[in-house]
Amino acid sequence: MAYDRSNVFAKILRGEIPCNKVYEDELTLAFHDINPQAPVHVLVIPKGEYVSMDDFAANASEAEIAALFRSVRTVAKMLGVAESGWRMLANIGEHSGQEVPHLHIHIFGGRPLGPMLVRH
């Protein structure tokens, strides 16, 4: 799938849509989710044009990969959930429920989160 430069996260990165920024460095941006699913719900995105984790792992530089994961850790610590526990989630593709075609990692925390998936 080709990267769609009109997606909402691309617009946020260009400054066309505001965000409630938590953290930013040269290669990443973290901001509060507009529809939080937990007391702490922040998105961390690479500034590069990557559709998903598959795309990112295949095409990002070593520096971009390191920066993304270090930013996730930094944000979890900044938000005070590193000690109590937190969840990191990246949806990849249609079946996972990925809504925005720009790689984004969710950080959830601030309360017990329960099981990852409902057991059937």
Protein backbone atom coordinates (compact mmCIF):
# COMPACT_ATOMS: atom_id res chain seq x y z
CA MET A 1 0.00 0.00 0.00
CA ALA A 2 1.36 3.43 -0.93
CA TYR A 3 1.59 6.11 1.72
CA ASP A 4 -1.37 8.54 1.67
CA ARG A 5 -0.08 12.05 2.41
CA SER A 6 -3.63 13.22 3.16
CA ASN A 7 -3.98 11.03 6.30
CA VAL A 8 -4.67 12.83 9.57
CA PHE A 9 -1.23 12.10 11.08
CA ALA A 10 0.54 13.48 8.00
CA LYS A 11 -1.56 16.63 8.42
CA ILE A 12 -0.60 16.82 12.11
CA LEU A 13 3.08 16.46 11.20
CA ARG A 14 2.75 19.31 8.66
CA GLY A 15 1.02 21.51 11.26
CA GLU A 16 -2.27 21.59 9.35
CA ILE A 17 -4.17 19.99 12.26
CA PRO A 18 -3.30 20.76 15.90
CA CYS A 19 -2.46 18.09 18.44
CA ASN A 20 -1.98 17.99 22.19
CA LYS A 21 1.75 17.28 22.05
CA VAL A 22 3.44 15.24 24.78
CA TYR A 23 6.91 14.79 23.28
CA GLU A 24 8.79 15.53 20.09
CA ASP A 25 12.28 14.93 18.79
CA GLU A 26 13.87 15.01 15.36
CA LEU A 27 12.32 11.70 14.24
CA THR A 28 9.15 11.20 16.33
CA LEU A 29 6.08 12.94 17.70
CA ALA A 30 3.86 11.88 20.62
CA PHE A 31 0.43 13.33 21.34
CA HIS A 32 -2.75 12.57 23.27
CA ASP A 33 -5.37 10.49 21.46
CA ILE A 34 -8.52 12.51 20.72
CA ASN A 35 -10.71 9.58 21.82
CA PRO A 36 -8.86 8.14 24.84
CA GLN A 37 -9.56 4.53 25.79
CA ALA A 38 -7.72 4.73 29.14
CA PRO A 39 -6.70 7.51 31.56
CA VAL A 40 -3.39 7.63 29.70
CA HIS A 41 -3.72 7.18 25.93
CA VAL A 42 -0.98 8.67 23.81
CA LEU A 43 0.10 7.99 20.23
CA VAL A 44 3.75 7.92 19.20
CA ILE A 45 4.45 8.25 15.48
CA PRO A 46 7.54 8.38 13.32
CA LYS A 47 7.91 11.56 11.28
CA GLY A 48 8.74 9.50 8.21
CA GLU A 49 6.10 8.27 5.77
CA TYR A 50 5.42 4.70 6.94
CA VAL A 51 2.04 3.02 6.56
CA SER A 52 2.49 0.30 9.18
CA MET A 53 4.98 -1.57 11.33
CA ASP A 54 5.60 -3.88 8.37
CA ASP A 55 6.53 -0.91 6.18
CA PHE A 56 8.58 0.70 8.96
CA ALA A 57 10.56 -2.46 9.80
CA ALA A 58 11.34 -3.04 6.13
CA ASN A 59 12.20 0.54 5.13
CA ALA A 60 13.10 2.75 8.10
CA SER A 61 16.69 3.56 8.97
CA GLU A 62 18.29 2.13 12.09
CA ALA A 63 18.17 5.64 13.58
CA GLU A 64 14.41 5.92 12.95
CA ILE A 65 13.73 2.51 14.46
CA ALA A 66 15.78 3.27 17.57
CA ALA A 67 14.20 6.72 17.93
CA LEU A 68 10.65 5.36 17.78
CA PHE A 69 11.16 2.77 20.48
CA ARG A 70 13.19 5.12 22.68
CA SER A 71 10.44 7.71 22.33
CA VAL A 72 7.81 5.18 23.43
CA ARG A 73 9.87 4.45 26.56
CA THR A 74 10.47 8.16 27.23
CA VAL A 75 6.78 8.97 26.93
CA ALA A 76 5.73 6.11 29.24
CA LYS A 77 8.15 7.42 31.86
CA MET A 78 7.04 11.04 31.35
CA LEU A 79 3.39 10.08 31.81
CA GLY A 80 4.09 8.20 35.04
CA VAL A 81 2.97 4.75 33.88
CA ALA A 82 6.38 3.08 33.62
CA GLU A 83 6.27 1.87 37.24
CA SER A 84 2.65 0.68 37.40
CA GLY A 85 2.55 -0.87 33.94
CA TRP A 86 1.32 0.10 30.53
CA ARG A 87 0.36 -1.38 27.20
CA MET A 88 1.92 -0.70 23.81
CA LEU A 89 -0.21 -1.47 20.76
CA ALA A 90 0.27 -1.01 17.03
CA ASN A 91 -2.53 -2.14 14.74
CA ILE A 92 -1.38 -3.32 11.32
CA GLY A 93 -3.85 -3.57 8.48
CA GLU A 94 -7.58 -3.93 8.05
CA HIS A 95 -8.18 -7.00 10.24
CA SER A 96 -6.44 -5.40 13.21
CA GLY A 97 -8.55 -2.26 13.03
CA GLN A 98 -5.83 0.14 11.83
CA GLU A 99 -7.78 3.32 11.13
CA VAL A 100 -5.01 5.71 10.04
CA PRO A 101 -2.54 4.53 7.39
CA HIS A 102 0.49 6.00 9.19
CA LEU A 103 2.36 3.84 11.71
CA HIS A 104 1.33 4.77 15.22
CA ILE A 105 1.99 3.13 18.55
CA HIS A 106 -0.63 3.53 21.27
CA ILE A 107 0.49 3.84 24.88
CA PHE A 108 -2.28 2.93 27.32
CA GLY A 109 -2.05 3.14 31.10
CA GLY A 110 -3.27 4.77 34.28
CA ARG A 111 -5.45 1.87 35.43
CA PRO A 112 -5.54 -1.94 35.24
CA LEU A 113 -6.13 -2.66 31.55
CA GLY A 114 -7.44 -6.21 31.71
CA PRO A 115 -6.82 -8.92 29.14
CA MET A 116 -5.49 -8.05 25.72
CA LEU A 117 -8.26 -9.77 23.78
CA VAL A 118 -11.61 -11.22 24.74
CA ARG A 119 -11.27 -14.99 24.93
CA HIS A 120 -13.73 -17.01 22.86
